[in-house]
Every structure is written in structure tokens, then in C-alpha cells.
Amino acid sequence: MGAKKLFIFDMDGTLFDTEPISAQIWKEVAKEKGYTIPEGVLQGVIGMSYAGGKEVFLQEIGEDFPFESLCAEKIRRQNEWYNAHPVPVKPGVKEILNHAKKWGIPCAVASSSPLIQIEILLNKTGLREYFSYLQSGETVKRGKPYPDIFLAVCRHFDVKPQDALVFEDSENGLKAAETGGIPVILVPDLAVIDEVIAHKALYICDSLIEAVHCLQEEEIL
């Protein structure tokens, strides 16, 4: 496998336990306008880009679903929630980031979320200092499940895709990294992931703590 020169982390569901919050707020804003979002739709768009999510919502709920206005309201309320509550950090996040620092491996975030939301969560949790680069889906042509967002991070660091390592929780993120030729450690969260797709990951771990153990045992640092 060879030593890794770059760690790339998804954010929601990987660094932070924010997927349940996102889903709940989506349900609330939709209900206020008379819409019900099926659970399968919410799971299916986890990790997906804005454009990809919009396409799924309109296909599954109907062309009349006011995605743009409701998504803007959902993001506004989500940011309010983040500002008013402690942001839940996933188990093992600080451990793996401290190990990366010790190993001399730079870390980046590659998230479909808006950059302002990435900054809010990292600053509030005290994790911003660990990341030397933040890549939002807002500035790439195609979001997950396409590989553009991860390849943009590799270009920024001048690291070949095979020399990077992605940490993801979603099927869309796994597909994106795998398509881009970047090894993935999968730490599943809310979304059900197809078993065949899941086994394309380098490792499937219950937490980032387990991911640290895998990296140490296999000596791929």
C-alpha cells in the first residue's frame, strides 16, 4: 500500500455526529410547507452535492418541491443550531488528528457542506488548527459521488491520489474517492451502504479509534 502523505476527512457523519440534526431540520422545514421527506431520500443524499441532492429530492418528492428555498432555510436553521448547542464530535476524532500530527501527515476537510458551515463547526469544536486546507463542494464542478472534491485536495497538496487516504461515512463519499483512485477508510454512520460497494474500502471501521489501530497494525503510515 505504501506510506500515506495526506489524510482527507469528510465532515458530517465522519468528524461530527451531525447527520441526525440535518435530517431532523430537513423534516421540519418540509413539514411546514406541507411536504413529507421519506427516510430513504434523506439517507440517499448523505454526502451528496447540492445539485445531486436537488435532483434526488425532485425525482422522489415531485418537481413542485421548492428545494432551493427550503434548503436555504434548512442551512440557516442548522447554523443557528450549531451556534446554540455543543457540536457532537465523533469518537476518535481527536485521537486520529493527534496521531496524524505526530506522524507528520497534513489533514484536510473535503465536505459537500458550505464553507461557512465547515468553518463554524471546526472553530466551535477547537479542531480548526488540525486542518491546513478546507475544500467545500461549492467550488468544484461536480460533487460527490464524483471524485472532483477529493482530487482538488490532492492537487492543492501536490499529492498523487494513491498517496492520500480518505475517511468517509457515506456511500456517495466512498464512490467519489474510489472513482478518483484514492484509498478509503469507511466509518459508516446513518446511511445503509451497499455491501458490495462497502467492501471497496481499504478498511471498514466502527470508529476512527479503530481506524488508528488499523493504520498502526498495517504500517501504511
C-alpha atoms as a PDB file:
ATOM      1  CA  MET A   1       0.000   0.000   0.000  1.00  0.00           C
ATOM      2  CA  GLY A   2       2.844   2.404   0.786  1.00  0.00           C
ATOM      3  CA  ALA A   3       3.116   5.331   3.156  1.00  0.00           C
ATOM      4  CA  LYS A   4       0.396   7.962   3.088  1.00  0.00           C
ATOM      5  CA  LYS A   5       1.213  11.631   2.572  1.00  0.00           C
ATOM      6  CA  LEU A   6      -2.224  13.166   3.122  1.00  0.00           C
ATOM      7  CA  PHE A   7      -5.369  12.488   5.170  1.00  0.00           C
ATOM      8  CA  ILE A   8      -8.675  13.802   3.775  1.00  0.00           C
ATOM      9  CA  PHE A   9     -11.712  13.799   6.034  1.00  0.00           C
ATOM     10  CA  ASP A  10     -15.365  14.096   5.186  1.00  0.00           C
ATOM     11  CA  MET A  11     -17.102  16.241   7.822  1.00  0.00           C
ATOM     12  CA  ASP A  12     -20.764  15.420   8.577  1.00  0.00           C
ATOM     13  CA  GLY A  13     -21.038  11.883   9.892  1.00  0.00           C
ATOM     14  CA  THR A  14     -17.254  11.395   9.925  1.00  0.00           C
ATOM     15  CA  LEU A  15     -15.854  14.169  12.124  1.00  0.00           C
ATOM     16  CA  PHE A  16     -19.156  15.272  13.645  1.00  0.00           C
ATOM     17  CA  ASP A  17     -22.351  13.456  14.589  1.00  0.00           C
ATOM     18  CA  THR A  18     -24.437  15.992  12.679  1.00  0.00           C
ATOM     19  CA  GLU A  19     -26.373  13.829  10.220  1.00  0.00           C
ATOM     20  CA  PRO A  20     -29.324  13.291  12.631  1.00  0.00           C
ATOM     21  CA  ILE A  21     -29.540  17.060  13.194  1.00  0.00           C
ATOM     22  CA  SER A  22     -29.518  17.724   9.454  1.00  0.00           C
ATOM     23  CA  ALA A  23     -32.229  15.128   8.827  1.00  0.00           C
ATOM     24  CA  GLN A  24     -34.467  16.468  11.594  1.00  0.00           C
ATOM     25  CA  ILE A  25     -34.251  20.050  10.344  1.00  0.00           C
ATOM     26  CA  TRP A  26     -34.980  18.916   6.778  1.00  0.00           C
ATOM     27  CA  LYS A  27     -38.142  17.214   8.035  1.00  0.00           C
ATOM     28  CA  GLU A  28     -39.212  20.307   9.959  1.00  0.00           C
ATOM     29  CA  VAL A  29     -38.821  22.817   7.123  1.00  0.00           C
ATOM     30  CA  ALA A  30     -40.524  20.464   4.664  1.00  0.00           C
ATOM     31  CA  LYS A  31     -43.448  19.746   7.009  1.00  0.00           C
ATOM     32  CA  GLU A  32     -44.075  23.460   7.461  1.00  0.00           C
ATOM     33  CA  LYS A  33     -44.689  23.678   3.708  1.00  0.00           C
ATOM     34  CA  GLY A  34     -46.838  20.554   3.600  1.00  0.00           C
ATOM     35  CA  TYR A  35     -44.226  18.060   2.392  1.00  0.00           C
ATOM     36  CA  THR A  36     -43.005  14.787   3.857  1.00  0.00           C
ATOM     37  CA  ILE A  37     -39.476  13.639   3.068  1.00  0.00           C
ATOM     38  CA  PRO A  38     -39.134   9.829   3.035  1.00  0.00           C
ATOM     39  CA  GLU A  39     -36.360   8.458   5.237  1.00  0.00           C
ATOM     40  CA  GLY A  40     -34.805   6.734   2.239  1.00  0.00           C
ATOM     41  CA  VAL A  41     -34.408  10.062   0.456  1.00  0.00           C
ATOM     42  CA  LEU A  42     -32.620  11.603   3.437  1.00  0.00           C
ATOM     43  CA  GLN A  43     -30.282   8.616   3.639  1.00  0.00           C
ATOM     44  CA  GLY A  44     -29.681   8.614  -0.106  1.00  0.00           C
ATOM     45  CA  VAL A  45     -28.458  12.204  -0.255  1.00  0.00           C
ATOM     46  CA  ILE A  46     -25.969  11.885   2.620  1.00  0.00           C
ATOM     47  CA  GLY A  47     -22.620  13.156   1.396  1.00  0.00           C
ATOM     48  CA  MET A  48     -24.104  14.265  -1.919  1.00  0.00           C
ATOM     49  CA  SER A  49     -23.575  17.650  -3.544  1.00  0.00           C
ATOM     50  CA  TYR A  50     -26.206  20.402  -3.596  1.00  0.00           C
ATOM     51  CA  ALA A  51     -27.007  19.717  -7.252  1.00  0.00           C
ATOM     52  CA  GLY A  52     -27.143  15.974  -6.727  1.00  0.00           C
ATOM     53  CA  GLY A  53     -29.356  16.342  -3.671  1.00  0.00           C
ATOM     54  CA  LYS A  54     -31.720  18.648  -5.539  1.00  0.00           C
ATOM     55  CA  GLU A  55     -32.069  16.118  -8.350  1.00  0.00           C
ATOM     56  CA  VAL A  56     -32.926  13.320  -5.912  1.00  0.00           C
ATOM     57  CA  PHE A  57     -35.459  15.424  -3.988  1.00  0.00           C
ATOM     58  CA  LEU A  58     -37.284  16.485  -7.145  1.00  0.00           C
ATOM     59  CA  GLN A  59     -37.325  12.950  -8.537  1.00  0.00           C
ATOM     60  CA  GLU A  60     -38.570  11.354  -5.331  1.00  0.00           C
ATOM     61  CA  ILE A  61     -40.873  14.043  -3.910  1.00  0.00           C
ATOM     62  CA  GLY A  62     -42.014  15.877  -7.025  1.00  0.00           C
ATOM     63  CA  GLU A  63     -40.993  18.650  -9.374  1.00  0.00           C
ATOM     64  CA  ASP A  64     -43.014  21.143  -7.324  1.00  0.00           C
ATOM     65  CA  PHE A  65     -40.839  20.619  -4.235  1.00  0.00           C
ATOM     66  CA  PRO A  66     -39.276  24.063  -3.501  1.00  0.00           C
ATOM     67  CA  PHE A  67     -35.802  22.662  -2.930  1.00  0.00           C
ATOM     68  CA  GLU A  68     -33.794  25.871  -3.226  1.00  0.00           C
ATOM     69  CA  SER A  69     -35.795  27.934  -0.742  1.00  0.00           C
ATOM     70  CA  LEU A  70     -36.209  25.077   1.741  1.00  0.00           C
ATOM     71  CA  CYS A  71     -32.537  24.123   1.533  1.00  0.00           C
ATOM     72  CA  ALA A  72     -31.549  27.734   2.246  1.00  0.00           C
ATOM     73  CA  GLU A  73     -33.871  27.765   5.267  1.00  0.00           C
ATOM     74  CA  LYS A  74     -32.556  24.390   6.406  1.00  0.00           C
ATOM     75  CA  ILE A  75     -28.949  25.634   6.270  1.00  0.00           C
ATOM     76  CA  ARG A  76     -29.916  28.816   8.153  1.00  0.00           C
ATOM     77  CA  ARG A  77     -31.598  26.843  10.952  1.00  0.00           C
ATOM     78  CA  GLN A  78     -28.764  24.342  11.041  1.00  0.00           C
ATOM     79  CA  ASN A  79     -26.216  27.116  11.553  1.00  0.00           C
ATOM     80  CA  GLU A  80     -28.421  28.557  14.304  1.00  0.00           C
ATOM     81  CA  TRP A  81     -28.493  25.148  15.977  1.00  0.00           C
ATOM     82  CA  TYR A  82     -24.704  24.853  15.760  1.00  0.00           C
ATOM     83  CA  ASN A  83     -24.270  28.283  17.302  1.00  0.00           C
ATOM     84  CA  ALA A  84     -26.646  27.480  20.170  1.00  0.00           C
ATOM     85  CA  HIS A  85     -25.587  23.911  21.049  1.00  0.00           C
ATOM     86  CA  PRO A  86     -22.404  21.905  21.594  1.00  0.00           C
ATOM     87  CA  VAL A  87     -21.399  20.208  18.346  1.00  0.00           C
ATOM     88  CA  PRO A  88     -21.131  16.426  18.869  1.00  0.00           C
ATOM     89  CA  VAL A  89     -17.685  15.181  17.837  1.00  0.00           C
ATOM     90  CA  LYS A  90     -17.438  11.570  16.690  1.00  0.00           C
ATOM     91  CA  PRO A  91     -15.397   9.117  18.790  1.00  0.00           C
ATOM     92  CA  GLY A  92     -11.717   9.001  17.901  1.00  0.00           C
ATOM     93  CA  VAL A  93     -11.540  12.294  16.006  1.00  0.00           C
ATOM     94  CA  LYS A  94      -9.003  13.968  18.274  1.00  0.00           C
ATOM     95  CA  GLU A  95      -7.042  10.733  18.587  1.00  0.00           C
ATOM     96  CA  ILE A  96      -6.563  10.311  14.846  1.00  0.00           C
ATOM     97  CA  LEU A  97      -5.830  14.008  14.288  1.00  0.00           C
ATOM     98  CA  ASN A  98      -3.202  13.989  17.046  1.00  0.00           C
ATOM     99  CA  HIS A  99      -1.670  10.850  15.542  1.00  0.00           C
ATOM    100  CA  ALA A 100      -1.584  12.489  12.108  1.00  0.00           C
ATOM    101  CA  LYS A 101       0.196  15.476  13.648  1.00  0.00           C
ATOM    102  CA  LYS A 102       2.699  13.149  15.327  1.00  0.00           C
ATOM    103  CA  TRP A 103       3.219  11.255  12.067  1.00  0.00           C
ATOM    104  CA  GLY A 104       3.706  14.500  10.114  1.00  0.00           C
ATOM    105  CA  ILE A 105       0.747  13.885   7.805  1.00  0.00           C
ATOM    106  CA  PRO A 106      -1.205  17.004   6.763  1.00  0.00           C
ATOM    107  CA  CYS A 107      -5.003  16.859   7.109  1.00  0.00           C
ATOM    108  CA  ALA A 108      -7.774  18.403   5.036  1.00  0.00           C
ATOM    109  CA  VAL A 109     -11.556  18.504   5.109  1.00  0.00           C
ATOM    110  CA  ALA A 110     -13.497  17.738   1.915  1.00  0.00           C
ATOM    111  CA  SER A 111     -17.190  18.299   2.553  1.00  0.00           C
ATOM    112  CA  SER A 112     -20.288  18.920   0.460  1.00  0.00           C
ATOM    113  CA  SER A 113     -21.372  21.410   3.143  1.00  0.00           C
ATOM    114  CA  PRO A 114     -20.955  25.178   2.579  1.00  0.00           C
ATOM    115  CA  LEU A 115     -17.564  26.555   3.614  1.00  0.00           C
ATOM    116  CA  ILE A 116     -19.139  28.788   6.258  1.00  0.00           C
ATOM    117  CA  GLN A 117     -20.658  25.701   7.890  1.00  0.00           C
ATOM    118  CA  ILE A 118     -17.326  23.877   7.816  1.00  0.00           C
ATOM    119  CA  GLU A 119     -15.647  26.849   9.482  1.00  0.00           C
ATOM    120  CA  ILE A 120     -18.389  27.167  12.144  1.00  0.00           C
ATOM    121  CA  LEU A 121     -18.103  23.527  13.200  1.00  0.00           C
ATOM    122  CA  LEU A 122     -14.313  23.337  13.179  1.00  0.00           C
ATOM    123  CA  ASN A 123     -13.899  26.593  15.095  1.00  0.00           C
ATOM    124  CA  LYS A 124     -16.573  25.755  17.648  1.00  0.00           C
ATOM    125  CA  THR A 125     -15.050  22.349  18.397  1.00  0.00           C
ATOM    126  CA  GLY A 126     -11.473  23.608  18.504  1.00  0.00           C
ATOM    127  CA  LEU A 127     -10.426  21.391  15.599  1.00  0.00           C
ATOM    128  CA  ARG A 128      -9.626  24.076  13.021  1.00  0.00           C
ATOM    129  CA  GLU A 129      -5.936  24.086  13.916  1.00  0.00           C
ATOM    130  CA  TYR A 130      -5.565  20.474  12.779  1.00  0.00           C
ATOM    131  CA  PHE A 131      -6.562  21.189   9.180  1.00  0.00           C
ATOM    132  CA  SER A 132      -4.307  23.021   6.771  1.00  0.00           C
ATOM    133  CA  TYR A 133      -6.882  23.059   3.969  1.00  0.00           C
ATOM    134  CA  LEU A 134     -10.690  23.103   3.700  1.00  0.00           C
ATOM    135  CA  GLN A 135     -12.439  22.096   0.489  1.00  0.00           C
ATOM    136  CA  SER A 136     -16.146  22.782   0.113  1.00  0.00           C
ATOM    137  CA  GLY A 137     -18.358  21.312  -2.569  1.00  0.00           C
ATOM    138  CA  GLU A 138     -19.292  24.879  -3.521  1.00  0.00           C
ATOM    139  CA  THR A 139     -16.118  25.343  -5.560  1.00  0.00           C
ATOM    140  CA  VAL A 140     -15.974  22.107  -7.559  1.00  0.00           C
ATOM    141  CA  LYS A 141     -17.893  21.432 -10.756  1.00  0.00           C
ATOM    142  CA  ARG A 142     -19.270  18.073  -9.655  1.00  0.00           C
ATOM    143  CA  GLY A 143     -19.897  16.967  -6.080  1.00  0.00           C
ATOM    144  CA  LYS A 144     -19.873  13.524  -4.532  1.00  0.00           C
ATOM    145  CA  PRO A 145     -20.312  10.788  -5.786  1.00  0.00           C
ATOM    146  CA  TYR A 146     -17.950  12.269  -8.396  1.00  0.00           C
ATOM    147  CA  PRO A 147     -14.283  12.461  -7.302  1.00  0.00           C
ATOM    148  CA  ASP A 148     -13.707  16.157  -8.043  1.00  0.00           C
ATOM    149  CA  ILE A 149     -13.720  17.351  -4.427  1.00  0.00           C
ATOM    150  CA  PHE A 150     -11.078  14.836  -3.316  1.00  0.00           C
ATOM    151  CA  LEU A 151      -8.915  15.329  -6.400  1.00  0.00           C
ATOM    152  CA  ALA A 152      -8.967  19.100  -5.785  1.00  0.00           C
ATOM    153  CA  VAL A 153      -7.466  18.490  -2.335  1.00  0.00           C
ATOM    154  CA  CYS A 154      -4.780  16.225  -3.785  1.00  0.00           C
ATOM    155  CA  ARG A 155      -3.865  18.902  -6.337  1.00  0.00           C
ATOM    156  CA  HIS A 156      -3.633  21.524  -3.609  1.00  0.00           C
ATOM    157  CA  PHE A 157      -1.056  19.432  -1.743  1.00  0.00           C
ATOM    158  CA  ASP A 158       0.600  18.132  -4.937  1.00  0.00           C
ATOM    159  CA  VAL A 159      -0.019  14.579  -3.733  1.00  0.00           C
ATOM    160  CA  LYS A 160      -0.909  11.697  -6.029  1.00  0.00           C
ATOM    161  CA  PRO A 161      -4.361  10.218  -5.306  1.00  0.00           C
ATOM    162  CA  GLN A 162      -2.909   6.826  -4.398  1.00  0.00           C
ATOM    163  CA  ASP A 163      -0.699   8.516  -1.777  1.00  0.00           C
ATOM    164  CA  ALA A 164      -3.679  10.071   0.021  1.00  0.00           C
ATOM    165  CA  LEU A 165      -6.192   8.437   2.342  1.00  0.00           C
ATOM    166  CA  VAL A 166      -9.862   9.401   2.656  1.00  0.00           C
ATOM    167  CA  PHE A 167     -12.010   8.924   5.755  1.00  0.00           C
ATOM    168  CA  GLU A 168     -15.702   8.679   4.894  1.00  0.00           C
ATOM    169  CA  ASP A 169     -19.029   7.572   6.339  1.00  0.00           C
ATOM    170  CA  SER A 170     -21.256   7.550   3.246  1.00  0.00           C
ATOM    171  CA  GLU A 171     -21.688   5.518   0.091  1.00  0.00           C
ATOM    172  CA  ASN A 172     -21.536   8.683  -2.021  1.00  0.00           C
ATOM    173  CA  GLY A 173     -18.227   9.650  -0.438  1.00  0.00           C
ATOM    174  CA  LEU A 174     -16.812   6.159  -0.844  1.00  0.00           C
ATOM    175  CA  LYS A 175     -17.785   6.118  -4.524  1.00  0.00           C
ATOM    176  CA  ALA A 176     -16.186   9.535  -5.025  1.00  0.00           C
ATOM    177  CA  ALA A 177     -12.851   8.548  -3.519  1.00  0.00           C
ATOM    178  CA  GLU A 178     -12.787   5.124  -5.148  1.00  0.00           C
ATOM    179  CA  THR A 179     -13.502   6.622  -8.575  1.00  0.00           C
ATOM    180  CA  GLY A 180     -10.650   9.063  -8.022  1.00  0.00           C
ATOM    181  CA  GLY A 181      -8.219   6.291  -7.160  1.00  0.00           C
ATOM    182  CA  ILE A 182      -7.897   7.280  -3.501  1.00  0.00           C
ATOM    183  CA  PRO A 183      -7.939   4.560  -0.801  1.00  0.00           C
ATOM    184  CA  VAL A 184     -10.746   4.898   1.725  1.00  0.00           C
ATOM    185  CA  ILE A 185     -11.300   4.010   5.341  1.00  0.00           C
ATOM    186  CA  LEU A 186     -15.052   3.698   5.751  1.00  0.00           C
ATOM    187  CA  VAL A 187     -16.604   4.505   9.125  1.00  0.00           C
ATOM    188  CA  PRO A 188     -20.355   4.033   8.493  1.00  0.00           C
ATOM    189  CA  ASP A 189     -22.817   6.372  10.185  1.00  0.00           C
ATOM    190  CA  LEU A 190     -26.567   6.636   9.485  1.00  0.00           C
ATOM    191  CA  ALA A 191     -26.798   5.600   5.856  1.00  0.00           C
ATOM    192  CA  VAL A 192     -27.119   1.959   4.864  1.00  0.00           C
ATOM    193  CA  ILE A 193     -24.261   1.179   2.465  1.00  0.00           C
ATOM    194  CA  ASP A 194     -24.440  -1.462  -0.225  1.00  0.00           C
ATOM    195  CA  GLU A 195     -22.271  -4.382   0.868  1.00  0.00           C
ATOM    196  CA  VAL A 196     -20.520  -4.740  -2.486  1.00  0.00           C
ATOM    197  CA  ILE A 197     -19.643  -1.034  -2.550  1.00  0.00           C
ATOM    198  CA  ALA A 198     -18.599  -1.013   1.115  1.00  0.00           C
ATOM    199  CA  HIS A 199     -16.019  -3.726   0.506  1.00  0.00           C
ATOM    200  CA  LYS A 200     -14.204  -1.471  -1.942  1.00  0.00           C
ATOM    201  CA  ALA A 201     -12.928   0.375   1.137  1.00  0.00           C
ATOM    202  CA  LEU A 202      -9.426  -0.324   2.408  1.00  0.00           C
ATOM    203  CA  TYR A 203     -10.941  -0.893   5.860  1.00  0.00           C
ATOM    204  CA  ILE A 204     -14.418  -0.752   7.349  1.00  0.00           C
ATOM    205  CA  CYS A 205     -14.155   0.510  10.924  1.00  0.00           C
ATOM    206  CA  ASP A 206     -16.655   1.088  13.714  1.00  0.00           C
ATOM    207  CA  SER A 207     -14.930   4.322  14.714  1.00  0.00           C
ATOM    208  CA  LEU A 208     -11.897   6.470  13.990  1.00  0.00           C
ATOM    209  CA  ILE A 209     -10.290   4.925  17.072  1.00  0.00           C
ATOM    210  CA  GLU A 210     -10.384   1.577  15.286  1.00  0.00           C
ATOM    211  CA  ALA A 211      -9.049   3.297  12.174  1.00  0.00           C
ATOM    212  CA  VAL A 212      -5.952   4.398  14.112  1.00  0.00           C
ATOM    213  CA  HIS A 213      -5.343   0.797  15.181  1.00  0.00           C
ATOM    214  CA  CYS A 214      -5.700  -0.417  11.587  1.00  0.00           C
ATOM    215  CA  LEU A 215      -3.186   2.137  10.339  1.00  0.00           C
ATOM    216  CA  GLN A 216      -0.696   1.216  13.040  1.00  0.00           C
ATOM    217  CA  GLU A 217      -1.059  -2.524  12.549  1.00  0.00           C
ATOM    218  CA  GLU A 218      -0.715  -2.400   8.761  1.00  0.00           C
ATOM    219  CA  GLU A 219       2.178   0.089   8.854  1.00  0.00           C
ATOM    220  CA  ILE A 220       0.850   2.161   5.960  1.00  0.00           C
ATOM    221  CA  LEU A 221       1.749   5.498   7.507  1.00  0.00           C
END
